[in-house]
Structure formats: structure tokens, C-alpha cells
Amino acid sequence: IYPTIVEPGGTRTNFAANIQTTTPSPAYEHGAVGTFRAFITSAGPEVFTGDPAKLARAIFDTTREGRPPLRLPLGGDAYDMINTALRDRVEALEAQRELAHSVAFTS
């Protein structure tokens, strides 16, 4: 068994157009919830560039591979965000190289 984590980008499914929200709370307006609410209610088709049929086909095709990838980014936006996050993480790791190696026993 080979699990695959599907990491889709913005996909044009009419989800945002059909979302129902509660009355906004001022306490959350400037936090993650408020930011997401503003994004999801104002984002247009230029944000949701993924074709759901192509996404489904890519997932299906991946399940037919002998050794599918652990992670499956689908969409240019997903790829770019993951790439940026990983580059940032590697940069932070490199900054700790000397400290990481400094805790080993010395001969």
C-alpha cells in the first residue's frame, strides 16, 4: 500500500459561489478566519485555475502507478506554494547547521 497526499490548488468547482457564511464577527475580522472569509467571498476565476476533470484524472492515473508519489501537488499555484514553503524550510535548516552539528561528542 502506497499512500498519496493530494495537494490541490484552487480548483474551479463553484464551491466559493455556493458557500454560506454566518454574520462576520469583529473579533475575527483581522485573523485567519476573517482573511479566509474575505478571500473566499471575493476570489474570482483567476484564482481557481484548476480544471476539476483534469484534477480527477490525474488522481485516478496516479492510483494506477506501481509506486505513486507520497505527495501529489496539482495546480501551478499548489506547486509554487509548496516550493516556496520547502525552500524557506531548507533555508531555516541551513541556518542551524553549525548548531546541529555542535552537539555531537568530540573525539
PDB file of N, CA and C in Angstrom:
ATOM      1  N   ILE A   1       0.860  -1.179   0.000  1.00  0.00           N
ATOM      2  CA  ILE A   1       0.000   0.000   0.000  1.00  0.00           C
ATOM      3  C   ILE A   1       0.900   1.233   0.000  1.00  0.00           C
ATOM      4  N   TYR A   2       0.633   2.134  -0.917  1.00  0.00           N
ATOM      5  CA  TYR A   2       1.391   3.371  -1.030  1.00  0.00           C
ATOM      6  C   TYR A   2       0.425   4.551  -0.914  1.00  0.00           C
ATOM      7  N   PRO A   3       0.420   5.212   0.224  1.00  0.00           N
ATOM      8  CA  PRO A   3      -0.485   6.363   0.360  1.00  0.00           C
ATOM      9  C   PRO A   3       0.032   7.553  -0.444  1.00  0.00           C
ATOM     10  N   THR A   4      -0.875   8.370  -0.905  1.00  0.00           N
ATOM     11  CA  THR A   4      -0.538   9.592  -1.621  1.00  0.00           C
ATOM     12  C   THR A   4      -1.326  10.747  -1.015  1.00  0.00           C
ATOM     13  N   ILE A   5      -0.631  11.805  -0.694  1.00  0.00           N
ATOM     14  CA  ILE A   5      -1.261  13.016  -0.172  1.00  0.00           C
ATOM     15  C   ILE A   5      -1.520  13.933  -1.354  1.00  0.00           C
ATOM     16  N   VAL A   6      -2.783  14.145  -1.671  1.00  0.00           N
ATOM     17  CA  VAL A   6      -3.146  15.019  -2.786  1.00  0.00           C
ATOM     18  C   VAL A   6      -3.179  16.448  -2.264  1.00  0.00           C
ATOM     19  N   GLU A   7      -2.440  17.327  -2.930  1.00  0.00           N
ATOM     20  CA  GLU A   7      -2.340  18.731  -2.525  1.00  0.00           C
ATOM     21  C   GLU A   7      -2.823  19.610  -3.684  1.00  0.00           C
ATOM     22  N   PRO A   8      -4.157  19.772  -3.786  1.00  0.00           N
ATOM     23  CA  PRO A   8      -4.696  20.531  -4.917  1.00  0.00           C
ATOM     24  C   PRO A   8      -4.619  22.032  -4.694  1.00  0.00           C
ATOM     25  N   GLY A   9      -4.488  22.740  -5.778  1.00  0.00           N
ATOM     26  CA  GLY A   9      -4.564  24.192  -5.735  1.00  0.00           C
ATOM     27  C   GLY A   9      -6.013  24.615  -5.931  1.00  0.00           C
ATOM     28  N   GLY A  10      -6.191  25.879  -6.256  1.00  0.00           N
ATOM     29  CA  GLY A  10      -7.529  26.401  -6.482  1.00  0.00           C
ATOM     30  C   GLY A  10      -8.170  25.728  -7.677  1.00  0.00           C
ATOM     31  N   THR A  11      -9.310  25.112  -7.450  1.00  0.00           N
ATOM     32  CA  THR A  11      -9.991  24.364  -8.498  1.00  0.00           C
ATOM     33  C   THR A  11     -11.378  24.938  -8.719  1.00  0.00           C
ATOM     34  N   ARG A  12     -11.729  25.166  -9.949  1.00  0.00           N
ATOM     35  CA  ARG A  12     -12.997  25.804 -10.306  1.00  0.00           C
ATOM     36  C   ARG A  12     -14.148  24.804 -10.166  1.00  0.00           C
ATOM     37  N   THR A  13     -14.777  24.805  -8.988  1.00  0.00           N
ATOM     38  CA  THR A  13     -15.866  23.867  -8.708  1.00  0.00           C
ATOM     39  C   THR A  13     -17.155  24.559  -8.290  1.00  0.00           C
ATOM     40  N   ASN A  14     -17.192  25.868  -8.242  1.00  0.00           N
ATOM     41  CA  ASN A  14     -18.336  26.640  -7.744  1.00  0.00           C
ATOM     42  C   ASN A  14     -18.503  26.530  -6.237  1.00  0.00           C
ATOM     43  N   PHE A  15     -17.521  25.974  -5.546  1.00  0.00           N
ATOM     44  CA  PHE A  15     -17.578  25.887  -4.087  1.00  0.00           C
ATOM     45  C   PHE A  15     -17.734  27.273  -3.478  1.00  0.00           C
ATOM     46  N   ALA A  16     -16.892  28.206  -3.883  1.00  0.00           N
ATOM     47  CA  ALA A  16     -16.931  29.553  -3.298  1.00  0.00           C
ATOM     48  C   ALA A  16     -18.252  30.250  -3.590  1.00  0.00           C
ATOM     49  N   ALA A  17     -18.792  30.042  -4.779  1.00  0.00           N
ATOM     50  CA  ALA A  17     -20.057  30.695  -5.144  1.00  0.00           C
ATOM     51  C   ALA A  17     -21.214  30.156  -4.321  1.00  0.00           C
ATOM     52  N   ASN A  18     -21.110  28.947  -3.840  1.00  0.00           N
ATOM     53  CA  ASN A  18     -22.202  28.319  -3.108  1.00  0.00           C
ATOM     54  C   ASN A  18     -21.992  28.250  -1.603  1.00  0.00           C
ATOM     55  N   ILE A  19     -20.912  28.824  -1.120  1.00  0.00           N
ATOM     56  CA  ILE A  19     -20.624  28.776   0.308  1.00  0.00           C
ATOM     57  C   ILE A  19     -21.587  29.693   1.064  1.00  0.00           C
ATOM     58  N   GLN A  20     -22.009  29.244   2.207  1.00  0.00           N
ATOM     59  CA  GLN A  20     -22.860  30.043   3.072  1.00  0.00           C
ATOM     60  C   GLN A  20     -22.055  30.375   4.320  1.00  0.00           C
ATOM     61  N   THR A  21     -22.079  31.633   4.702  1.00  0.00           N
ATOM     62  CA  THR A  21     -21.316  32.055   5.872  1.00  0.00           C
ATOM     63  C   THR A  21     -22.239  32.707   6.890  1.00  0.00           C
ATOM     64  N   THR A  22     -21.771  32.748   8.105  1.00  0.00           N
ATOM     65  CA  THR A  22     -22.503  33.424   9.175  1.00  0.00           C
ATOM     66  C   THR A  22     -22.168  34.907   9.140  1.00  0.00           C
ATOM     67  N   THR A  23     -22.801  35.653   9.992  1.00  0.00           N
ATOM     68  CA  THR A  23     -22.506  37.081  10.105  1.00  0.00           C
ATOM     69  C   THR A  23     -21.066  37.228  10.607  1.00  0.00           C
ATOM     70  N   PRO A  24     -20.271  38.065   9.951  1.00  0.00           N
ATOM     71  CA  PRO A  24     -18.871  38.232  10.388  1.00  0.00           C
ATOM     72  C   PRO A  24     -18.783  38.733  11.827  1.00  0.00           C
ATOM     73  N   SER A  25     -17.806  38.235  12.551  1.00  0.00           N
ATOM     74  CA  SER A  25     -17.551  38.660  13.924  1.00  0.00           C
ATOM     75  C   SER A  25     -16.347  39.594  13.928  1.00  0.00           C
ATOM     76  N   PRO A  26     -16.509  40.797  14.477  1.00  0.00           N
ATOM     77  CA  PRO A  26     -15.381  41.738  14.523  1.00  0.00           C
ATOM     78  C   PRO A  26     -14.147  41.162  15.225  1.00  0.00           C
ATOM     79  N   ALA A  27     -14.360  40.258  16.159  1.00  0.00           N
ATOM     80  CA  ALA A  27     -13.232  39.670  16.896  1.00  0.00           C
ATOM     81  C   ALA A  27     -12.315  38.854  15.984  1.00  0.00           C
ATOM     82  N   TYR A  28     -12.860  38.347  14.882  1.00  0.00           N
ATOM     83  CA  TYR A  28     -12.079  37.501  13.982  1.00  0.00           C
ATOM     84  C   TYR A  28     -11.777  38.159  12.643  1.00  0.00           C
ATOM     85  N   GLU A  29     -12.190  39.385  12.485  1.00  0.00           N
ATOM     86  CA  GLU A  29     -12.087  40.075  11.198  1.00  0.00           C
ATOM     87  C   GLU A  29     -10.671  40.148  10.645  1.00  0.00           C
ATOM     88  N   HIS A  30      -9.693  40.358  11.515  1.00  0.00           N
ATOM     89  CA  HIS A  30      -8.317  40.553  11.039  1.00  0.00           C
ATOM     90  C   HIS A  30      -7.433  39.325  11.247  1.00  0.00           C
ATOM     91  N   GLY A  31      -8.016  38.221  11.686  1.00  0.00           N
ATOM     92  CA  GLY A  31      -7.253  36.988  11.888  1.00  0.00           C
ATOM     93  C   GLY A  31      -7.397  36.062  10.699  1.00  0.00           C
ATOM     94  N   ALA A  32      -7.018  34.813  10.900  1.00  0.00           N
ATOM     95  CA  ALA A  32      -7.064  33.816   9.825  1.00  0.00           C
ATOM     96  C   ALA A  32      -8.479  33.612   9.289  1.00  0.00           C
ATOM     97  N   VAL A  33      -9.457  33.592  10.188  1.00  0.00           N
ATOM     98  CA  VAL A  33     -10.842  33.371   9.758  1.00  0.00           C
ATOM     99  C   VAL A  33     -11.325  34.521   8.885  1.00  0.00           C
ATOM    100  N   GLY A  34     -11.087  35.744   9.327  1.00  0.00           N
ATOM    101  CA  GLY A  34     -11.508  36.914   8.554  1.00  0.00           C
ATOM    102  C   GLY A  34     -10.787  37.009   7.224  1.00  0.00           C
ATOM    103  N   THR A  35      -9.518  36.692   7.231  1.00  0.00           N
ATOM    104  CA  THR A  35      -8.733  36.720   5.995  1.00  0.00           C
ATOM    105  C   THR A  35      -9.258  35.695   5.003  1.00  0.00           C
ATOM    106  N   PHE A  36      -9.544  34.488   5.495  1.00  0.00           N
ATOM    107  CA  PHE A  36     -10.066  33.453   4.609  1.00  0.00           C
ATOM    108  C   PHE A  36     -11.454  33.831   4.097  1.00  0.00           C
ATOM    109  N   ARG A  37     -12.304  34.378   4.971  1.00  0.00           N
ATOM    110  CA  ARG A  37     -13.643  34.790   4.553  1.00  0.00           C
ATOM    111  C   ARG A  37     -13.566  35.831   3.436  1.00  0.00           C
ATOM    112  N   ALA A  38     -12.699  36.811   3.608  1.00  0.00           N
ATOM    113  CA  ALA A  38     -12.551  37.856   2.586  1.00  0.00           C
ATOM    114  C   ALA A  38     -12.046  37.260   1.275  1.00  0.00           C
ATOM    115  N   PHE A  39     -11.116  36.347   1.380  1.00  0.00           N
ATOM    116  CA  PHE A  39     -10.568  35.716   0.174  1.00  0.00           C
ATOM    117  C   PHE A  39     -11.627  34.905  -0.556  1.00  0.00           C
ATOM    118  N   ILE A  40     -12.302  34.020   0.173  1.00  0.00           N
ATOM    119  CA  ILE A  40     -13.218  33.084  -0.472  1.00  0.00           C
ATOM    120  C   ILE A  40     -14.444  33.790  -1.048  1.00  0.00           C
ATOM    121  N   THR A  41     -14.835  34.899  -0.459  1.00  0.00           N
ATOM    122  CA  THR A  41     -16.013  35.608  -0.969  1.00  0.00           C
ATOM    123  C   THR A  41     -15.685  36.588  -2.090  1.00  0.00           C
ATOM    124  N   SER A  42     -14.408  36.881  -2.293  1.00  0.00           N
ATOM    125  CA  SER A  42     -14.055  37.848  -3.333  1.00  0.00           C
ATOM    126  C   SER A  42     -13.221  37.257  -4.469  1.00  0.00           C
ATOM    127  N   ALA A  43     -12.727  36.033  -4.297  1.00  0.00           N
ATOM    128  CA  ALA A  43     -11.864  35.426  -5.314  1.00  0.00           C
ATOM    129  C   ALA A  43     -12.657  35.112  -6.575  1.00  0.00           C
ATOM    130  N   GLY A  44     -12.059  35.399  -7.693  1.00  0.00           N
ATOM    131  CA  GLY A  44     -12.688  35.140  -8.984  1.00  0.00           C
ATOM    132  C   GLY A  44     -12.061  33.957  -9.684  1.00  0.00           C
ATOM    133  N   PRO A  45     -12.445  33.725 -10.913  1.00  0.00           N
ATOM    134  CA  PRO A  45     -11.933  32.567 -11.659  1.00  0.00           C
ATOM    135  C   PRO A  45     -10.426  32.602 -11.889  1.00  0.00           C
ATOM    136  N   GLU A  46      -9.827  33.779 -11.795  1.00  0.00           N
ATOM    137  CA  GLU A  46      -8.371  33.852 -11.973  1.00  0.00           C
ATOM    138  C   GLU A  46      -7.628  33.157 -10.832  1.00  0.00           C
ATOM    139  N   VAL A  47      -8.297  32.962  -9.693  1.00  0.00           N
ATOM    140  CA  VAL A  47      -7.692  32.268  -8.552  1.00  0.00           C
ATOM    141  C   VAL A  47      -7.910  30.762  -8.666  1.00  0.00           C
ATOM    142  N   PHE A  48      -9.075  30.387  -9.139  1.00  0.00           N
ATOM    143  CA  PHE A  48      -9.436  28.978  -9.244  1.00  0.00           C
ATOM    144  C   PHE A  48      -9.152  28.508 -10.671  1.00  0.00           C
ATOM    145  N   THR A  49      -7.898  28.195 -10.937  1.00  0.00           N
ATOM    146  CA  THR A  49      -7.468  27.881 -12.299  1.00  0.00           C
ATOM    147  C   THR A  49      -7.491  26.396 -12.614  1.00  0.00           C
ATOM    148  N   GLY A  50      -7.631  25.574 -11.592  1.00  0.00           N
ATOM    149  CA  GLY A  50      -7.597  24.138 -11.826  1.00  0.00           C
ATOM    150  C   GLY A  50      -8.884  23.612 -12.440  1.00  0.00           C
ATOM    151  N   ASP A  51      -8.732  22.721 -13.390  1.00  0.00           N
ATOM    152  CA  ASP A  51      -9.860  22.064 -14.045  1.00  0.00           C
ATOM    153  C   ASP A  51     -10.192  20.806 -13.245  1.00  0.00           C
ATOM    154  N   PRO A  52     -11.380  20.723 -12.637  1.00  0.00           N
ATOM    155  CA  PRO A  52     -11.696  19.565 -11.791  1.00  0.00           C
ATOM    156  C   PRO A  52     -11.634  18.231 -12.527  1.00  0.00           C
ATOM    157  N   ALA A  53     -11.974  18.199 -13.800  1.00  0.00           N
ATOM    158  CA  ALA A  53     -11.904  16.944 -14.558  1.00  0.00           C
ATOM    159  C   ALA A  53     -10.450  16.498 -14.719  1.00  0.00           C
ATOM    160  N   LYS A  54      -9.553  17.451 -15.003  1.00  0.00           N
ATOM    161  CA  LYS A  54      -8.134  17.105 -15.146  1.00  0.00           C
ATOM    162  C   LYS A  54      -7.549  16.681 -13.798  1.00  0.00           C
ATOM    163  N   LEU A  55      -7.978  17.351 -12.728  1.00  0.00           N
ATOM    164  CA  LEU A  55      -7.510  17.009 -11.396  1.00  0.00           C
ATOM    165  C   LEU A  55      -7.939  15.572 -11.060  1.00  0.00           C
ATOM    166  N   ALA A  56      -9.201  15.249 -11.299  1.00  0.00           N
ATOM    167  CA  ALA A  56      -9.703  13.901 -11.023  1.00  0.00           C
ATOM    168  C   ALA A  56      -8.952  12.866 -11.853  1.00  0.00           C
ATOM    169  N   ARG A  57      -8.681  13.169 -13.106  1.00  0.00           N
ATOM    170  CA  ARG A  57      -7.952  12.251 -13.980  1.00  0.00           C
ATOM    171  C   ARG A  57      -6.534  12.030 -13.465  1.00  0.00           C
ATOM    172  N   ALA A  58      -5.893  13.108 -13.029  1.00  0.00           N
ATOM    173  CA  ALA A  58      -4.531  12.986 -12.504  1.00  0.00           C
ATOM    174  C   ALA A  58      -4.508  12.114 -11.247  1.00  0.00           C
ATOM    175  N   ILE A  59      -5.496  12.287 -10.380  1.00  0.00           N
ATOM    176  CA  ILE A  59      -5.569  11.466  -9.165  1.00  0.00           C
ATOM    177  C   ILE A  59      -5.788  10.002  -9.555  1.00  0.00           C
ATOM    178  N   PHE A  60      -6.750   9.764 -10.431  1.00  0.00           N
ATOM    179  CA  PHE A  60      -7.037   8.397 -10.867  1.00  0.00           C
ATOM    180  C   PHE A  60      -5.807   7.758 -11.499  1.00  0.00           C
ATOM    181  N   ASP A  61      -5.163   8.467 -12.408  1.00  0.00           N
ATOM    182  CA  ASP A  61      -3.972   7.924 -13.076  1.00  0.00           C
ATOM    183  C   ASP A  61      -2.873   7.604 -12.072  1.00  0.00           C
ATOM    184  N   THR A  62      -2.742   8.441 -11.059  1.00  0.00           N
ATOM    185  CA  THR A  62      -1.718   8.219 -10.042  1.00  0.00           C
ATOM    186  C   THR A  62      -1.994   6.939  -9.259  1.00  0.00           C
ATOM    187  N   THR A  63      -3.274   6.626  -9.036  1.00  0.00           N
ATOM    188  CA  THR A  63      -3.598   5.394  -8.303  1.00  0.00           C
ATOM    189  C   THR A  63      -3.243   4.144  -9.093  1.00  0.00           C
ATOM    190  N   ARG A  64      -3.009   4.288 -10.372  1.00  0.00           N
ATOM    191  CA  ARG A  64      -2.671   3.151 -11.223  1.00  0.00           C
ATOM    192  C   ARG A  64      -1.166   2.927 -11.321  1.00  0.00           C
ATOM    193  N   GLU A  65      -0.381   3.833 -10.774  1.00  0.00           N
ATOM    194  CA  GLU A  65       1.083   3.696 -10.822  1.00  0.00           C
ATOM    195  C   GLU A  65       1.539   2.623  -9.845  1.00  0.00           C
ATOM    196  N   GLY A  66       2.622   1.948 -10.206  1.00  0.00           N
ATOM    197  CA  GLY A  66       3.180   0.930  -9.331  1.00  0.00           C
ATOM    198  C   GLY A  66       3.682   1.493  -8.016  1.00  0.00           C
ATOM    199  N   ARG A  67       4.342   2.618  -8.091  1.00  0.00           N
ATOM    200  CA  ARG A  67       4.850   3.301  -6.901  1.00  0.00           C
ATOM    201  C   ARG A  67       4.483   4.775  -7.025  1.00  0.00           C
ATOM    202  N   PRO A  68       3.279   5.123  -6.630  1.00  0.00           N
ATOM    203  CA  PRO A  68       2.849   6.516  -6.755  1.00  0.00           C
ATOM    204  C   PRO A  68       3.634   7.416  -5.791  1.00  0.00           C
ATOM    205  N   PRO A  69       3.682   8.701  -6.066  1.00  0.00           N
ATOM    206  CA  PRO A  69       4.415   9.614  -5.185  1.00  0.00           C
ATOM    207  C   PRO A  69       3.698   9.766  -3.843  1.00  0.00           C
ATOM    208  N   LEU A  70       4.466  10.070  -2.808  1.00  0.00           N
ATOM    209  CA  LEU A  70       3.861  10.329  -1.499  1.00  0.00           C
ATOM    210  C   LEU A  70       3.011  11.596  -1.554  1.00  0.00           C
ATOM    211  N   ARG A  71       3.521  12.614  -2.231  1.00  0.00           N
ATOM    212  CA  ARG A  71       2.814  13.888  -2.332  1.00  0.00           C
ATOM    213  C   ARG A  71       2.521  14.173  -3.795  1.00  0.00           C
ATOM    214  N   LEU A  72       1.307  14.675  -4.053  1.00  0.00           N
ATOM    215  CA  LEU A  72       0.888  14.944  -5.420  1.00  0.00           C
ATOM    216  C   LEU A  72       0.329  16.360  -5.516  1.00  0.00           C
ATOM    217  N   PRO A  73       1.202  17.351  -5.781  1.00  0.00           N
ATOM    218  CA  PRO A  73       0.698  18.716  -5.968  1.00  0.00           C
ATOM    219  C   PRO A  73       0.000  18.815  -7.324  1.00  0.00           C
ATOM    220  N   LEU A  74      -1.196  19.379  -7.316  1.00  0.00           N
ATOM    221  CA  LEU A  74      -1.954  19.526  -8.556  1.00  0.00           C
ATOM    222  C   LEU A  74      -2.363  20.973  -8.719  1.00  0.00           C
ATOM    223  N   GLY A  75      -1.794  21.609  -9.716  1.00  0.00           N
ATOM    224  CA  GLY A  75      -2.040  23.017  -9.989  1.00  0.00           C
ATOM    225  C   GLY A  75      -0.767  23.808  -9.811  1.00  0.00           C
ATOM    226  N   GLY A  76      -0.577  24.770 -10.697  1.00  0.00           N
ATOM    227  CA  GLY A  76       0.616  25.607 -10.610  1.00  0.00           C
ATOM    228  C   GLY A  76       0.691  26.366  -9.301  1.00  0.00           C
ATOM    229  N   ASP A  77      -0.459  26.816  -8.798  1.00  0.00           N
ATOM    230  CA  ASP A  77      -0.464  27.553  -7.538  1.00  0.00           C
ATOM    231  C   ASP A  77      -0.050  26.647  -6.378  1.00  0.00           C
ATOM    232  N   ALA A  78      -0.529  25.415  -6.382  1.00  0.00           N
ATOM    233  CA  ALA A  78      -0.144  24.472  -5.327  1.00  0.00           C
ATOM    234  C   ALA A  78       1.355  24.198  -5.394  1.00  0.00           C
ATOM    235  N   TYR A  79       1.851  23.938  -6.592  1.00  0.00           N
ATOM    236  CA  TYR A  79       3.279  23.671  -6.767  1.00  0.00           C
ATOM    237  C   TYR A  79       4.111  24.855  -6.263  1.00  0.00           C
ATOM    238  N   ASP A  80       3.746  26.060  -6.665  1.00  0.00           N
ATOM    239  CA  ASP A  80       4.518  27.243  -6.273  1.00  0.00           C
ATOM    240  C   ASP A  80       4.504  27.462  -4.770  1.00  0.00           C
ATOM    241  N   MET A  81       3.349  27.273  -4.130  1.00  0.00           N
ATOM    242  CA  MET A  81       3.263  27.472  -2.681  1.00  0.00           C
ATOM    243  C   MET A  81       4.081  26.427  -1.932  1.00  0.00           C
ATOM    244  N   ILE A  82       4.011  25.181  -2.377  1.00  0.00           N
ATOM    245  CA  ILE A  82       4.783  24.112  -1.738  1.00  0.00           C
ATOM    246  C   ILE A  82       6.272  24.352  -1.953  1.00  0.00           C
ATOM    247  N   ASN A  83       6.651  24.752  -3.154  1.00  0.00           N
ATOM    248  CA  ASN A  83       8.050  25.022  -3.462  1.00  0.00           C
ATOM    249  C   ASN A  83       8.596  26.134  -2.565  1.00  0.00           C
ATOM    250  N   THR A  84       7.836  27.205  -2.419  1.00  0.00           N
ATOM    251  CA  THR A  84       8.254  28.321  -1.565  1.00  0.00           C
ATOM    252  C   THR A  84       8.398  27.870  -0.115  1.00  0.00           C
ATOM    253  N   ALA A  85       7.408  27.116   0.373  1.00  0.00           N
ATOM    254  CA  ALA A  85       7.460  26.648   1.763  1.00  0.00           C
ATOM    255  C   ALA A  85       8.669  25.759   2.008  1.00  0.00           C
ATOM    256  N   LEU A  86       8.957  24.868   1.066  1.00  0.00           N
ATOM    257  CA  LEU A  86      10.109  23.975   1.231  1.00  0.00           C
ATOM    258  C   LEU A  86      11.429  24.729   1.139  1.00  0.00           C
ATOM    259  N   ARG A  87      11.510  25.694   0.242  1.00  0.00           N
ATOM    260  CA  ARG A  87      12.737  26.499   0.143  1.00  0.00           C
ATOM    261  C   ARG A  87      12.961  27.275   1.440  1.00  0.00           C
ATOM    262  N   ASP A  88      11.893  27.847   1.988  1.00  0.00           N
ATOM    263  CA  ASP A  88      12.000  28.575   3.263  1.00  0.00           C
ATOM    264  C   ASP A  88      12.445  27.641   4.386  1.00  0.00           C
ATOM    265  N   ARG A  89      11.898  26.438   4.377  1.00  0.00           N
ATOM    266  CA  ARG A  89      12.259  25.480   5.417  1.00  0.00           C
ATOM    267  C   ARG A  89      13.720  25.056   5.307  1.00  0.00           C
ATOM    268  N   VAL A  90      14.189  24.811   4.084  1.00  0.00           N
ATOM    269  CA  VAL A  90      15.596  24.439   3.879  1.00  0.00           C
ATOM    270  C   VAL A  90      16.504  25.592   4.292  1.00  0.00           C
ATOM    271  N   GLU A  91      16.111  26.810   3.958  1.00  0.00           N
ATOM    272  CA  GLU A  91      16.905  27.979   4.352  1.00  0.00           C
ATOM    273  C   GLU A  91      17.014  28.072   5.877  1.00  0.00           C
ATOM    274  N   ALA A  92      15.915  27.857   6.582  1.00  0.00           N
ATOM    275  CA  ALA A  92      15.938  27.886   8.040  1.00  0.00           C
ATOM    276  C   ALA A  92      16.790  26.752   8.591  1.00  0.00           C
ATOM    277  N   LEU A  93      16.716  25.584   7.971  1.00  0.00           N
ATOM    278  CA  LEU A  93      17.524  24.449   8.387  1.00  0.00           C
ATOM    279  C   LEU A  93      19.011  24.736   8.200  1.00  0.00           C
ATOM    280  N   GLU A  94      19.372  25.289   7.053  1.00  0.00           N
ATOM    281  CA  GLU A  94      20.779  25.603   6.784  1.00  0.00           C
ATOM    282  C   GLU A  94      21.335  26.581   7.812  1.00  0.00           C
ATOM    283  N   ALA A  95      20.514  27.488   8.274  1.00  0.00           N
ATOM    284  CA  ALA A  95      20.961  28.456   9.285  1.00  0.00           C
ATOM    285  C   ALA A  95      21.287  27.759  10.609  1.00  0.00           C
ATOM    286  N   GLN A  96      20.785  26.551  10.803  1.00  0.00           N
ATOM    287  CA  GLN A  96      21.020  25.809  12.049  1.00  0.00           C
ATOM    288  C   GLN A  96      22.080  24.716  11.913  1.00  0.00           C
ATOM    289  N   ARG A  97      22.697  24.634  10.756  1.00  0.00           N
ATOM    290  CA  ARG A  97      23.666  23.564  10.504  1.00  0.00           C
ATOM    291  C   ARG A  97      24.756  23.490  11.566  1.00  0.00           C
ATOM    292  N   GLU A  98      25.412  24.595  11.832  1.00  0.00           N
ATOM    293  CA  GLU A  98      26.525  24.596  12.788  1.00  0.00           C
ATOM    294  C   GLU A  98      26.065  24.167  14.169  1.00  0.00           C
ATOM    295  N   LEU A  99      24.954  24.704  14.620  1.00  0.00           N
ATOM    296  CA  LEU A  99      24.437  24.331  15.945  1.00  0.00           C
ATOM    297  C   LEU A  99      24.067  22.848  15.964  1.00  0.00           C
ATOM    298  N   ALA A 100      23.436  22.364  14.929  1.00  0.00           N
ATOM    299  CA  ALA A 100      23.030  20.954  14.893  1.00  0.00           C
ATOM    300  C   ALA A 100      24.240  20.029  15.041  1.00  0.00           C
ATOM    301  N   HIS A 101      25.299  20.348  14.324  1.00  0.00           N
ATOM    302  CA  HIS A 101      26.499  19.509  14.376  1.00  0.00           C
ATOM    303  C   HIS A 101      27.303  19.718  15.654  1.00  0.00           C
ATOM    304  N   SER A 102      27.101  20.818  16.344  1.00  0.00           N
ATOM    305  CA  SER A 102      27.914  21.141  17.529  1.00  0.00           C
ATOM    306  C   SER A 102      27.590  20.291  18.750  1.00  0.00           C
ATOM    307  N   VAL A 103      26.499  19.566  18.735  1.00  0.00           N
ATOM    308  CA  VAL A 103      26.118  18.814  19.928  1.00  0.00           C
ATOM    309  C   VAL A 103      26.633  17.376  19.923  1.00  0.00           C
ATOM    310  N   ALA A 104      27.418  17.002  18.901  1.00  0.00           N
ATOM    311  CA  ALA A 104      27.961  15.645  18.831  1.00  0.00           C
ATOM    312  C   ALA A 104      29.131  15.493  19.791  1.00  0.00           C
ATOM    313  N   PHE A 105      29.368  14.265  20.225  1.00  0.00           N
ATOM    314  CA  PHE A 105      30.557  14.004  21.035  1.00  0.00           C
ATOM    315  C   PHE A 105      31.797  14.362  20.258  1.00  0.00           C
ATOM    316  N   THR A 106      32.791  14.870  20.935  1.00  0.00           N
ATOM    317  CA  THR A 106      34.074  15.139  20.278  1.00  0.00           C
ATOM    318  C   THR A 106      35.025  14.002  20.639  1.00  0.00           C
ATOM    319  N   SER A 107      35.913  13.670  19.708  1.00  0.00           N
ATOM    320  CA  SER A 107      36.827  12.555  19.971  1.00  0.00           C
ATOM    321  C   SER A 107      38.055  13.013  20.656  1.00  0.00           C
TER     322      SER A 107
END
